[in-house]
Amino acid sequence: MKLTRGDVVLIDFPFSDRTGSKVRPALVVQDDRWNAALDDAILALISSSRRRRVGAATQRLIPIMSPEAVGTGLRIDSIVQCENLITLEQGLVLSVLGRFGPALMSEIDDCLRAALGIA
């Protein structure tokens, strides 16, 4: 399956200390030309954990009752953590849950710039 930028996907996300993993949603942030050309995709972690919400410019809260949450496939208030990226083979994606619209992806771009120090 080839992914599209803005897809909300379900993956088995490995812990950074390599002690295990957890099935959780993630956002495809890689450009579509690379999604089509490569087997791998760059993803941003999506978490519902309140302790992970630090209010940084690298994060975007998605309240489940907000209009922007419609169609994302998210079921509870979630935070996109653009400071927590992973490259994963597209074939390891368990399912596509939904999509982020263009306006929300534009805000994600701002979070990515903050996370990567790109002006």
PDB file of N, CA and C in Angstrom:
ATOM      1  N   MET A   1       0.843  -1.172   0.000  1.00  0.00           N
ATOM      2  CA  MET A   1       0.000   0.000   0.000  1.00  0.00           C
ATOM      3  C   MET A   1       0.890   1.239   0.000  1.00  0.00           C
ATOM      4  N   LYS A   2       0.640   2.160  -0.903  1.00  0.00           N
ATOM      5  CA  LYS A   2       1.375   3.425  -0.926  1.00  0.00           C
ATOM      6  C   LYS A   2       0.586   4.454  -0.119  1.00  0.00           C
ATOM      7  N   LEU A   3       1.294   5.108   0.750  1.00  0.00           N
ATOM      8  CA  LEU A   3       0.674   6.089   1.635  1.00  0.00           C
ATOM      9  C   LEU A   3       0.648   7.467   0.994  1.00  0.00           C
ATOM     10  N   THR A   4      -0.188   8.332   1.539  1.00  0.00           N
ATOM     11  CA  THR A   4      -0.329   9.708   1.083  1.00  0.00           C
ATOM     12  C   THR A   4      -0.062  10.640   2.255  1.00  0.00           C
ATOM     13  N   ARG A   5       0.631  11.738   1.979  1.00  0.00           N
ATOM     14  CA  ARG A   5       0.881  12.742   3.025  1.00  0.00           C
ATOM     15  C   ARG A   5      -0.456  13.179   3.607  1.00  0.00           C
ATOM     16  N   GLY A   6      -0.537  13.186   4.931  1.00  0.00           N
ATOM     17  CA  GLY A   6      -1.780  13.535   5.612  1.00  0.00           C
ATOM     18  C   GLY A   6      -2.568  12.322   6.078  1.00  0.00           C
ATOM     19  N   ASP A   7      -2.189  11.121   5.645  1.00  0.00           N
ATOM     20  CA  ASP A   7      -2.859   9.913   6.124  1.00  0.00           C
ATOM     21  C   ASP A   7      -2.596   9.731   7.613  1.00  0.00           C
ATOM     22  N   VAL A   8      -3.620   9.371   8.345  1.00  0.00           N
ATOM     23  CA  VAL A   8      -3.476   8.946   9.734  1.00  0.00           C
ATOM     24  C   VAL A   8      -3.480   7.421   9.683  1.00  0.00           C
ATOM     25  N   VAL A   9      -2.390   6.833  10.131  1.00  0.00           N
ATOM     26  CA  VAL A   9      -2.215   5.390  10.016  1.00  0.00           C
ATOM     27  C   VAL A   9      -2.031   4.762  11.394  1.00  0.00           C
ATOM     28  N   LEU A  10      -2.264   3.468  11.465  1.00  0.00           N
ATOM     29  CA  LEU A  10      -2.037   2.710  12.683  1.00  0.00           C
ATOM     30  C   LEU A  10      -0.781   1.881  12.483  1.00  0.00           C
ATOM     31  N   ILE A  11       0.177   2.030  13.412  1.00  0.00           N
ATOM     32  CA  ILE A  11       1.446   1.310  13.301  1.00  0.00           C
ATOM     33  C   ILE A  11       1.844   0.744  14.666  1.00  0.00           C
ATOM     34  N   ASP A  12       2.754  -0.203  14.638  1.00  0.00           N
ATOM     35  CA  ASP A  12       3.368  -0.722  15.852  1.00  0.00           C
ATOM     36  C   ASP A  12       4.609   0.137  16.083  1.00  0.00           C
ATOM     37  N   PHE A  13       4.453   1.192  16.881  1.00  0.00           N
ATOM     38  CA  PHE A  13       5.482   2.219  17.065  1.00  0.00           C
ATOM     39  C   PHE A  13       6.503   1.740  18.091  1.00  0.00           C
ATOM     40  N   PRO A  14       7.768   1.622  17.702  1.00  0.00           N
ATOM     41  CA  PRO A  14       8.781   1.138  18.653  1.00  0.00           C
ATOM     42  C   PRO A  14       9.150   2.214  19.673  1.00  0.00           C
ATOM     43  N   PHE A  15       9.392   1.777  20.916  1.00  0.00           N
ATOM     44  CA  PHE A  15       9.877   2.692  21.945  1.00  0.00           C
ATOM     45  C   PHE A  15      11.296   3.120  21.581  1.00  0.00           C
ATOM     46  N   SER A  16      11.657   4.357  21.905  1.00  0.00           N
ATOM     47  CA  SER A  16      12.977   4.876  21.540  1.00  0.00           C
ATOM     48  C   SER A  16      14.109   4.115  22.223  1.00  0.00           C
ATOM     49  N   ASP A  17      13.825   3.479  23.370  1.00  0.00           N
ATOM     50  CA  ASP A  17      14.875   2.709  24.051  1.00  0.00           C
ATOM     51  C   ASP A  17      14.913   1.246  23.597  1.00  0.00           C
ATOM     52  N   ARG A  18      14.069   0.936  22.610  1.00  0.00           N
ATOM     53  CA  ARG A  18      14.011  -0.400  21.993  1.00  0.00           C
ATOM     54  C   ARG A  18      13.593  -1.508  22.943  1.00  0.00           C
ATOM     55  N   THR A  19      12.897  -1.171  24.023  1.00  0.00           N
ATOM     56  CA  THR A  19      12.442  -2.191  24.967  1.00  0.00           C
ATOM     57  C   THR A  19      11.098  -2.787  24.576  1.00  0.00           C
ATOM     58  N   GLY A  20      10.478  -2.255  23.539  1.00  0.00           N
ATOM     59  CA  GLY A  20       9.179  -2.759  23.114  1.00  0.00           C
ATOM     60  C   GLY A  20       8.546  -1.817  22.120  1.00  0.00           C
ATOM     61  N   SER A  21       7.247  -1.951  21.987  1.00  0.00           N
ATOM     62  CA  SER A  21       6.505  -1.113  21.050  1.00  0.00           C
ATOM     63  C   SER A  21       5.045  -1.064  21.489  1.00  0.00           C
ATOM     64  N   LYS A  22       4.306  -0.181  20.838  1.00  0.00           N
ATOM     65  CA  LYS A  22       2.892  -0.030  21.145  1.00  0.00           C
ATOM     66  C   LYS A  22       2.157   0.342  19.863  1.00  0.00           C
ATOM     67  N   VAL A  23       1.026  -0.290  19.628  1.00  0.00           N
ATOM     68  CA  VAL A  23       0.224   0.056  18.454  1.00  0.00           C
ATOM     69  C   VAL A  23      -0.441   1.392  18.733  1.00  0.00           C
ATOM     70  N   ARG A  24      -0.201   2.334  17.820  1.00  0.00           N
ATOM     71  CA  ARG A  24      -0.725   3.681  17.999  1.00  0.00           C
ATOM     72  C   ARG A  24      -0.855   4.364  16.646  1.00  0.00           C
ATOM     73  N   PRO A  25      -1.609   5.460  16.594  1.00  0.00           N
ATOM     74  CA  PRO A  25      -1.716   6.201  15.336  1.00  0.00           C
ATOM     75  C   PRO A  25      -0.475   7.052  15.080  1.00  0.00           C
ATOM     76  N   ALA A  26      -0.264   7.344  13.822  1.00  0.00           N
ATOM     77  CA  ALA A  26       0.824   8.223  13.393  1.00  0.00           C
ATOM     78  C   ALA A  26       0.345   8.963  12.150  1.00  0.00           C
ATOM     79  N   LEU A  27       1.010  10.069  11.860  1.00  0.00           N
ATOM     80  CA  LEU A  27       0.656  10.912  10.717  1.00  0.00           C
ATOM     81  C   LEU A  27       1.750  10.833   9.669  1.00  0.00           C
ATOM     82  N   VAL A  28       1.382  10.569   8.432  1.00  0.00           N
ATOM     83  CA  VAL A  28       2.347  10.561   7.333  1.00  0.00           C
ATOM     84  C   VAL A  28       2.685  12.006   7.002  1.00  0.00           C
ATOM     85  N   VAL A  29       3.973  12.387   7.177  1.00  0.00           N
ATOM     86  CA  VAL A  29       4.405  13.758   6.927  1.00  0.00           C
ATOM     87  C   VAL A  29       5.324  13.863   5.712  1.00  0.00           C
ATOM     88  N   GLN A  30       5.724  12.749   5.162  1.00  0.00           N
ATOM     89  CA  GLN A  30       6.612  12.735   3.996  1.00  0.00           C
ATOM     90  C   GLN A  30       5.853  13.152   2.732  1.00  0.00           C
ATOM     91  N   ASP A  31       6.530  13.859   1.851  1.00  0.00           N
ATOM     92  CA  ASP A  31       5.956  14.313   0.585  1.00  0.00           C
ATOM     93  C   ASP A  31       5.536  13.116  -0.278  1.00  0.00           C
ATOM     94  N   ASP A  32       4.447  13.292  -1.019  1.00  0.00           N
ATOM     95  CA  ASP A  32       3.897  12.189  -1.815  1.00  0.00           C
ATOM     96  C   ASP A  32       4.834  11.656  -2.892  1.00  0.00           C
ATOM     97  N   ARG A  33       5.689  12.503  -3.447  1.00  0.00           N
ATOM     98  CA  ARG A  33       6.595  11.976  -4.473  1.00  0.00           C
ATOM     99  C   ARG A  33       7.561  10.970  -3.864  1.00  0.00           C
ATOM    100  N   TRP A  34       7.940  11.166  -2.593  1.00  0.00           N
ATOM    101  CA  TRP A  34       8.809  10.206  -1.915  1.00  0.00           C
ATOM    102  C   TRP A  34       8.012   9.011  -1.418  1.00  0.00           C
ATOM    103  N   ASN A  35       6.762   9.230  -1.036  1.00  0.00           N
ATOM    104  CA  ASN A  35       5.913   8.102  -0.659  1.00  0.00           C
ATOM    105  C   ASN A  35       5.742   7.141  -1.832  1.00  0.00           C
ATOM    106  N   ALA A  36       5.641   7.695  -3.043  1.00  0.00           N
ATOM    107  CA  ALA A  36       5.474   6.868  -4.239  1.00  0.00           C
ATOM    108  C   ALA A  36       6.782   6.199  -4.664  1.00  0.00           C
ATOM    109  N   ALA A  37       7.887   6.894  -4.480  1.00  0.00           N
ATOM    110  CA  ALA A  37       9.171   6.393  -4.978  1.00  0.00           C
ATOM    111  C   ALA A  37       9.880   5.451  -4.007  1.00  0.00           C
ATOM    112  N   LEU A  38       9.618   5.603  -2.722  1.00  0.00           N
ATOM    113  CA  LEU A  38      10.341   4.840  -1.703  1.00  0.00           C
ATOM    114  C   LEU A  38       9.429   3.832  -1.013  1.00  0.00           C
ATOM    115  N   ASP A  39      10.030   2.815  -0.442  1.00  0.00           N
ATOM    116  CA  ASP A  39       9.270   1.853   0.361  1.00  0.00           C
ATOM    117  C   ASP A  39       9.002   2.382   1.762  1.00  0.00           C
ATOM    118  N   ASP A  40       9.814   3.335   2.212  1.00  0.00           N
ATOM    119  CA  ASP A  40       9.690   3.895   3.557  1.00  0.00           C
ATOM    120  C   ASP A  40       8.889   5.189   3.542  1.00  0.00           C
ATOM    121  N   ALA A  41       8.363   5.545   4.715  1.00  0.00           N
ATOM    122  CA  ALA A  41       7.664   6.817   4.881  1.00  0.00           C
ATOM    123  C   ALA A  41       8.079   7.419   6.218  1.00  0.00           C
ATOM    124  N   ILE A  42       8.057   8.746   6.293  1.00  0.00           N
ATOM    125  CA  ILE A  42       8.345   9.453   7.540  1.00  0.00           C
ATOM    126  C   ILE A  42       7.012   9.760   8.214  1.00  0.00           C
ATOM    127  N   LEU A  43       6.930   9.390   9.498  1.00  0.00           N
ATOM    128  CA  LEU A  43       5.694   9.515  10.260  1.00  0.00           C
ATOM    129  C   LEU A  43       5.943  10.306  11.542  1.00  0.00           C
ATOM    130  N   ALA A  44       4.922  11.030  11.996  1.00  0.00           N
ATOM    131  CA  ALA A  44       4.950  11.721  13.285  1.00  0.00           C
ATOM    132  C   ALA A  44       4.014  10.981  14.236  1.00  0.00           C
ATOM    133  N   LEU A  45       4.485  10.754  15.447  1.00  0.00           N
ATOM    134  CA  LEU A  45       3.706  10.063  16.462  1.00  0.00           C
ATOM    135  C   LEU A  45       2.474  10.865  16.845  1.00  0.00           C
ATOM    136  N   ILE A  46       1.369  10.171  17.060  1.00  0.00           N
ATOM    137  CA  ILE A  46       0.152  10.774  17.601  1.00  0.00           C
ATOM    138  C   ILE A  46      -0.124  10.082  18.930  1.00  0.00           C
ATOM    139  N   SER A  47      -0.316  10.877  19.978  1.00  0.00           N
ATOM    140  CA  SER A  47      -0.516  10.325  21.316  1.00  0.00           C
ATOM    141  C   SER A  47      -1.729  10.962  21.971  1.00  0.00           C
ATOM    142  N   SER A  48      -2.362  10.212  22.848  1.00  0.00           N
ATOM    143  CA  SER A  48      -3.450  10.771  23.654  1.00  0.00           C
ATOM    144  C   SER A  48      -2.987  11.057  25.075  1.00  0.00           C
ATOM    145  N   SER A  49      -1.738  10.764  25.374  1.00  0.00           N
ATOM    146  CA  SER A  49      -1.193  10.930  26.714  1.00  0.00           C
ATOM    147  C   SER A  49      -1.107  12.410  27.102  1.00  0.00           C
ATOM    148  N   ARG A  50      -1.722  12.752  28.208  1.00  0.00           N
ATOM    149  CA  ARG A  50      -1.676  14.141  28.689  1.00  0.00           C
ATOM    150  C   ARG A  50      -0.268  14.542  29.117  1.00  0.00           C
ATOM    151  N   ARG A  51       0.521  13.604  29.593  1.00  0.00           N
ATOM    152  CA  ARG A  51       1.877  13.940  30.042  1.00  0.00           C
ATOM    153  C   ARG A  51       2.794  14.289  28.873  1.00  0.00           C
ATOM    154  N   ARG A  52       2.426  13.882  27.662  1.00  0.00           N
ATOM    155  CA  ARG A  52       3.233  14.209  26.487  1.00  0.00           C
ATOM    156  C   ARG A  52       2.909  15.589  25.928  1.00  0.00           C
ATOM    157  N   ARG A  53       1.828  16.195  26.404  1.00  0.00           N
ATOM    158  CA  ARG A  53       1.444  17.544  25.960  1.00  0.00           C
ATOM    159  C   ARG A  53       2.282  18.568  26.692  1.00  0.00           C
ATOM    160  N   VAL A  54       3.218  19.165  26.004  1.00  0.00           N
ATOM    161  CA  VAL A  54       4.083  20.148  26.649  1.00  0.00           C
ATOM    162  C   VAL A  54       3.835  21.559  26.134  1.00  0.00           C
ATOM    163  N   GLY A  55       2.882  21.699  25.222  1.00  0.00           N
ATOM    164  CA  GLY A  55       2.553  23.024  24.712  1.00  0.00           C
ATOM    165  C   GLY A  55       3.622  23.633  23.835  1.00  0.00           C
ATOM    166  N   ALA A  56       4.482  22.808  23.296  1.00  0.00           N
ATOM    167  CA  ALA A  56       5.577  23.291  22.451  1.00  0.00           C
ATOM    168  C   ALA A  56       5.079  23.586  21.035  1.00  0.00           C
ATOM    169  N   ALA A  57       5.828  24.403  20.330  1.00  0.00           N
ATOM    170  CA  ALA A  57       5.504  24.727  18.936  1.00  0.00           C
ATOM    171  C   ALA A  57       5.643  23.508  18.033  1.00  0.00           C
ATOM    172  N   THR A  58       6.213  22.435  18.553  1.00  0.00           N
ATOM    173  CA  THR A  58       6.400  21.204  17.785  1.00  0.00           C
ATOM    174  C   THR A  58       5.192  20.287  17.858  1.00  0.00           C
ATOM    175  N   GLN A  59       4.182  20.678  18.621  1.00  0.00           N
ATOM    176  CA  GLN A  59       3.020  19.827  18.833  1.00  0.00           C
ATOM    177  C   GLN A  59       1.738  20.512  18.394  1.00  0.00           C
ATOM    178  N   ARG A  60       0.783  19.682  17.958  1.00  0.00           N
ATOM    179  CA  ARG A  60      -0.536  20.207  17.563  1.00  0.00           C
ATOM    180  C   ARG A  60      -1.610  19.353  18.221  1.00  0.00           C
ATOM    181  N   LEU A  61      -2.400  19.965  19.092  1.00  0.00           N
ATOM    182  CA  LEU A  61      -3.503  19.286  19.751  1.00  0.00           C
ATOM    183  C   LEU A  61      -4.674  19.158  18.774  1.00  0.00           C
ATOM    184  N   ILE A  62      -5.275  17.989  18.740  1.00  0.00           N
ATOM    185  CA  ILE A  62      -6.463  17.744  17.921  1.00  0.00           C
ATOM    186  C   ILE A  62      -7.595  17.362  18.876  1.00  0.00           C
ATOM    187  N   PRO A  63      -8.418  18.333  19.306  1.00  0.00           N
ATOM    188  CA  PRO A  63      -9.558  17.983  20.163  1.00  0.00           C
ATOM    189  C   PRO A  63     -10.587  17.202  19.345  1.00  0.00           C
ATOM    190  N   ILE A  64     -11.025  16.087  19.861  1.00  0.00           N
ATOM    191  CA  ILE A  64     -11.900  15.194  19.103  1.00  0.00           C
ATOM    192  C   ILE A  64     -13.239  15.847  18.748  1.00  0.00           C
ATOM    193  N   MET A  65     -13.671  16.830  19.523  1.00  0.00           N
ATOM    194  CA  MET A  65     -14.947  17.490  19.241  1.00  0.00           C
ATOM    195  C   MET A  65     -14.800  18.671  18.276  1.00  0.00           C
ATOM    196  N   SER A  66     -13.585  18.934  17.808  1.00  0.00           N
ATOM    197  CA  SER A  66     -13.370  20.055  16.897  1.00  0.00           C
ATOM    198  C   SER A  66     -13.698  19.649  15.466  1.00  0.00           C
ATOM    199  N   PRO A  67     -14.111  20.612  14.633  1.00  0.00           N
ATOM    200  CA  PRO A  67     -14.415  20.309  13.233  1.00  0.00           C
ATOM    201  C   PRO A  67     -13.217  19.712  12.487  1.00  0.00           C
ATOM    202  N   GLU A  68     -12.000  20.114  12.857  1.00  0.00           N
ATOM    203  CA  GLU A  68     -10.806  19.615  12.162  1.00  0.00           C
ATOM    204  C   GLU A  68     -10.545  18.134  12.424  1.00  0.00           C
ATOM    205  N   ALA A  69     -11.146  17.580  13.474  1.00  0.00           N
ATOM    206  CA  ALA A  69     -10.953  16.165  13.798  1.00  0.00           C
ATOM    207  C   ALA A  69     -11.794  15.247  12.915  1.00  0.00           C
ATOM    208  N   VAL A  70     -12.812  15.815  12.267  1.00  0.00           N
ATOM    209  CA  VAL A  70     -13.689  15.008  11.408  1.00  0.00           C
ATOM    210  C   VAL A  70     -12.875  14.399  10.271  1.00  0.00           C
ATOM    211  N   GLY A  71     -13.010  13.108  10.106  1.00  0.00           N
ATOM    212  CA  GLY A  71     -12.338  12.410   9.012  1.00  0.00           C
ATOM    213  C   GLY A  71     -10.925  11.956   9.319  1.00  0.00           C
ATOM    214  N   THR A  72     -10.421  12.292  10.528  1.00  0.00           N
ATOM    215  CA  THR A  72      -9.056  11.899  10.868  1.00  0.00           C
ATOM    216  C   THR A  72      -8.960  10.451  11.328  1.00  0.00           C
ATOM    217  N   GLY A  73     -10.076   9.899  11.788  1.00  0.00           N
ATOM    218  CA  GLY A  73     -10.067   8.546  12.328  1.00  0.00           C
ATOM    219  C   GLY A  73      -9.657   8.501  13.793  1.00  0.00           C
ATOM    220  N   LEU A  74      -9.328   9.649  14.371  1.00  0.00           N
ATOM    221  CA  LEU A  74      -8.960   9.694  15.788  1.00  0.00           C
ATOM    222  C   LEU A  74     -10.227   9.603  16.630  1.00  0.00           C
ATOM    223  N   ARG A  75     -10.150   8.908  17.769  1.00  0.00           N
ATOM    224  CA  ARG A  75     -11.329   8.685  18.605  1.00  0.00           C
ATOM    225  C   ARG A  75     -11.313   9.462  19.913  1.00  0.00           C
ATOM    226  N   ILE A  76     -10.130   9.975  20.293  1.00  0.00           N
ATOM    227  CA  ILE A  76     -10.014  10.758  21.523  1.00  0.00           C
ATOM    228  C   ILE A  76      -9.084  11.937  21.271  1.00  0.00           C
ATOM    229  N   ASP A  77      -9.136  12.924  22.172  1.00  0.00           N
ATOM    230  CA  ASP A  77      -8.233  14.068  22.051  1.00  0.00           C
ATOM    231  C   ASP A  77      -6.811  13.545  21.873  1.00  0.00           C
ATOM    232  N   SER A  78      -6.115  14.087  20.894  1.00  0.00           N
ATOM    233  CA  SER A  78      -4.786  13.579  20.552  1.00  0.00           C
ATOM    234  C   SER A  78      -3.828  14.715  20.280  1.00  0.00           C
ATOM    235  N   ILE A  79      -2.549  14.412  20.403  1.00  0.00           N
ATOM    236  CA  ILE A  79      -1.503  15.389  20.126  1.00  0.00           C
ATOM    237  C   ILE A  79      -0.574  14.812  19.067  1.00  0.00           C
ATOM    238  N   VAL A  80      -0.351  15.580  18.006  1.00  0.00           N
ATOM    239  CA  VAL A  80       0.632  15.192  16.999  1.00  0.00           C
ATOM    240  C   VAL A  80       1.971  15.720  17.478  1.00  0.00           C
ATOM    241  N   GLN A  81       2.932  14.826  17.623  1.00  0.00           N
ATOM    242  CA  GLN A  81       4.249  15.189  18.145  1.00  0.00           C
ATOM    243  C   GLN A  81       5.256  15.228  17.001  1.00  0.00           C
ATOM    244  N   CYS A  82       5.447  16.392  16.430  1.00  0.00           N
ATOM    245  CA  CYS A  82       6.374  16.525  15.300  1.00  0.00           C
ATOM    246  C   CYS A  82       7.831  16.445  15.746  1.00  0.00           C
ATOM    247  N   GLU A  83       8.073  16.443  17.052  1.00  0.00           N
ATOM    248  CA  GLU A  83       9.425  16.229  17.556  1.00  0.00           C
ATOM    249  C   GLU A  83       9.721  14.740  17.707  1.00  0.00           C
ATOM    250  N   ASN A  84       8.735  13.892  17.428  1.00  0.00           N
ATOM    251  CA  ASN A  84       8.884  12.444  17.570  1.00  0.00           C
ATOM    252  C   ASN A  84       8.561  11.797  16.222  1.00  0.00           C
ATOM    253  N   LEU A  85       9.572  11.720  15.361  1.00  0.00           N
ATOM    254  CA  LEU A  85       9.417  11.197  14.002  1.00  0.00           C
ATOM    255  C   LEU A  85      10.054   9.821  13.884  1.00  0.00           C
ATOM    256  N   ILE A  86       9.532   9.042  12.950  1.00  0.00           N
ATOM    257  CA  ILE A  86      10.085   7.724  12.665  1.00  0.00           C
ATOM    258  C   ILE A  86       9.996   7.480  11.162  1.00  0.00           C
ATOM    259  N   THR A  87      10.979   6.760  10.647  1.00  0.00           N
ATOM    260  CA  THR A  87      10.920   6.269   9.270  1.00  0.00           C
ATOM    261  C   THR A  87      10.562   4.800   9.342  1.00  0.00           C
ATOM    262  N   LEU A  88       9.515   4.410   8.636  1.00  0.00           N
ATOM    263  CA  LEU A  88       9.010   3.044   8.716  1.00  0.00           C
ATOM    264  C   LEU A  88       8.661   2.554   7.316  1.00  0.00           C
ATOM    265  N   GLU A  89       8.905   1.284   7.070  1.00  0.00           N
ATOM    266  CA  GLU A  89       8.514   0.692   5.785  1.00  0.00           C
ATOM    267  C   GLU A  89       6.991   0.766   5.665  1.00  0.00           C
ATOM    268  N   GLN A  90       6.524   1.238   4.530  1.00  0.00           N
ATOM    269  CA  GLN A  90       5.091   1.431   4.331  1.00  0.00           C
ATOM    270  C   GLN A  90       4.303   0.132   4.490  1.00  0.00           C
ATOM    271  N   GLY A  91       4.912  -0.983   4.151  1.00  0.00           N
ATOM    272  CA  GLY A  91       4.242  -2.278   4.281  1.00  0.00           C
ATOM    273  C   GLY A  91       3.958  -2.681   5.719  1.00  0.00           C
ATOM    274  N   LEU A  92       4.581  -2.007   6.676  1.00  0.00           N
ATOM    275  CA  LEU A  92       4.348  -2.318   8.085  1.00  0.00           C
ATOM    276  C   LEU A  92       3.160  -1.563   8.674  1.00  0.00           C
ATOM    277  N   VAL A  93       2.551  -0.684   7.876  1.00  0.00           N
ATOM    278  CA  VAL A  93       1.368   0.042   8.330  1.00  0.00           C
ATOM    279  C   VAL A  93       0.226  -0.955   8.472  1.00  0.00           C
ATOM    280  N   LEU A  94      -0.415  -0.945   9.624  1.00  0.00           N
ATOM    281  CA  LEU A  94      -1.495  -1.889   9.901  1.00  0.00           C
ATOM    282  C   LEU A  94      -2.795  -1.490   9.206  1.00  0.00           C
ATOM    283  N   SER A  95      -3.084  -0.183   9.193  1.00  0.00           N
ATOM    284  CA  SER A  95      -4.281   0.307   8.509  1.00  0.00           C
ATOM    285  C   SER A  95      -4.219   1.829   8.395  1.00  0.00           C
ATOM    286  N   VAL A  96      -5.031   2.354   7.491  1.00  0.00           N
ATOM    287  CA  VAL A  96      -5.212   3.801   7.365  1.00  0.00           C
ATOM    288  C   VAL A  96      -6.514   4.143   8.073  1.00  0.00           C
ATOM    289  N   LEU A  97      -6.433   5.041   9.053  1.00  0.00           N
ATOM    290  CA  LEU A  97      -7.598   5.403   9.865  1.00  0.00           C
ATOM    291  C   LEU A  97      -8.388   6.557   9.279  1.00  0.00           C
ATOM    292  N   GLY A  98      -7.683   7.510   8.661  1.00  0.00           N
ATOM    293  CA  GLY A  98      -8.324   8.713   8.142  1.00  0.00           C
ATOM    294  C   GLY A  98      -7.286   9.638   7.550  1.00  0.00           C
ATOM    295  N   ARG A  99      -7.644  10.924   7.443  1.00  0.00           N
ATOM    296  CA  ARG A  99      -6.756  11.912   6.822  1.00  0.00           C
ATOM    297  C   ARG A  99      -6.863  13.253   7.526  1.00  0.00           C
ATOM    298  N   PHE A 100      -5.778  14.009   7.474  1.00  0.00           N
ATOM    299  CA  PHE A 100      -5.777  15.412   7.881  1.00  0.00           C
ATOM    300  C   PHE A 100      -6.024  16.235   6.621  1.00  0.00           C
ATOM    301  N   GLY A 101      -6.845  17.264   6.733  1.00  0.00           N
ATOM    302  CA  GLY A 101      -7.108  18.149   5.613  1.00  0.00           C
ATOM    303  C   GLY A 101      -5.949  19.113   5.380  1.00  0.00           C
ATOM    304  N   PRO A 102      -5.992  19.848   4.254  1.00  0.00           N
ATOM    305  CA  PRO A 102      -4.908  20.763   3.890  1.00  0.00           C
ATOM    306  C   PRO A 102      -4.617  21.842   4.936  1.00  0.00           C
ATOM    307  N   ALA A 103      -5.639  22.426   5.540  1.00  0.00           N
ATOM    308  CA  ALA A 103      -5.407  23.483   6.533  1.00  0.00           C
ATOM    309  C   ALA A 103      -4.677  22.928   7.757  1.00  0.00           C
ATOM    310  N   LEU A 104      -5.084  21.765   8.207  1.00  0.00           N
ATOM    311  CA  LEU A 104      -4.441  21.144   9.362  1.00  0.00           C
ATOM    312  C   LEU A 104      -3.012  20.727   9.014  1.00  0.00           C
ATOM    313  N   MET A 105      -2.780  20.232   7.799  1.00  0.00           N
ATOM    314  CA  MET A 105      -1.425  19.857   7.387  1.00  0.00           C
ATOM    315  C   MET A 105      -0.528  21.083   7.298  1.00  0.00           C
ATOM    316  N   SER A 106      -1.092  22.237   6.957  1.00  0.00           N
ATOM    317  CA  SER A 106      -0.305  23.467   6.948  1.00  0.00           C
ATOM    318  C   SER A 106       0.186  23.799   8.361  1.00  0.00           C
ATOM    319  N   GLU A 107      -0.672  23.576   9.351  1.00  0.00           N
ATOM    320  CA  GLU A 107      -0.265  23.788  10.742  1.00  0.00           C
ATOM    321  C   GLU A 107       0.783  22.753  11.165  1.00  0.00           C
ATOM    322  N   ILE A 108       0.654  21.542  10.686  1.00  0.00           N
ATOM    323  CA  ILE A 108       1.650  20.496  10.961  1.00  0.00           C
ATOM    324  C   ILE A 108       2.991  20.905  10.360  1.00  0.00           C
ATOM    325  N   ASP A 109       2.974  21.516   9.182  1.00  0.00           N
ATOM    326  CA  ASP A 109       4.216  22.006   8.569  1.00  0.00           C
ATOM    327  C   ASP A 109       4.926  22.986   9.502  1.00  0.00           C
ATOM    328  N   ASP A 110       4.160  23.864  10.153  1.00  0.00           N
ATOM    329  CA  ASP A 110       4.755  24.800  11.111  1.00  0.00           C
ATOM    330  C   ASP A 110       5.390  24.048  12.279  1.00  0.00           C
ATOM    331  N   CYS A 111       4.723  23.012  12.759  1.00  0.00           N
ATOM    332  CA  CYS A 111       5.271  22.197  13.856  1.00  0.00           C
ATOM    333  C   CYS A 111       6.544  21.484  13.423  1.00  0.00           C
ATOM    334  N   LEU A 112       6.566  20.985  12.191  1.00  0.00           N
ATOM    335  CA  LEU A 112       7.754  20.307  11.677  1.00  0.00           C
ATOM    336  C   LEU A 112       8.926  21.289  11.567  1.00  0.00           C
ATOM    337  N   ARG A 113       8.642  22.503  11.086  1.00  0.00           N
ATOM    338  CA  ARG A 113       9.699  23.521  10.994  1.00  0.00           C
ATOM    339  C   ARG A 113      10.279  23.811  12.385  1.00  0.00           C
ATOM    340  N   ALA A 114       9.405  23.901  13.388  1.00  0.00           N
ATOM    341  CA  ALA A 114       9.871  24.158  14.758  1.00  0.00           C
ATOM    342  C   ALA A 114      10.704  22.982  15.269  1.00  0.00           C
ATOM    343  N   ALA A 115      10.276  21.772  14.977  1.00  0.00           N
ATOM    344  CA  ALA A 115      10.990  20.587  15.457  1.00  0.00           C
ATOM    345  C   ALA A 115      12.364  20.442  14.803  1.00  0.00           C
ATOM    346  N   LEU A 116      12.446  20.837  13.542  1.00  0.00           N
ATOM    347  CA  LEU A 116      13.693  20.633  12.782  1.00  0.00           C
ATOM    348  C   LEU A 116      14.555  21.893  12.701  1.00  0.00           C
ATOM    349  N   GLY A 117      14.075  22.978  13.290  1.00  0.00           N
ATOM    350  CA  GLY A 117      14.845  24.215  13.286  1.00  0.00           C
ATOM    351  C   GLY A 117      14.963  24.833  11.922  1.00  0.00           C
ATOM    352  N   ILE A 118      13.897  24.711  11.123  1.00  0.00           N
ATOM    353  CA  ILE A 118      13.870  25.263   9.774  1.00  0.00           C
ATOM    354  C   ILE A 118      13.049  26.546   9.799  1.00  0.00           C
ATOM    355  N   ALA A 119      13.630  27.635   9.362  1.00  0.00           N
ATOM    356  CA  ALA A 119      12.933  28.930   9.395  1.00  0.00           C
ATOM    357  C   ALA A 119      11.846  28.996   8.354  1.00  0.00           C
TER     358      ALA A 119
END
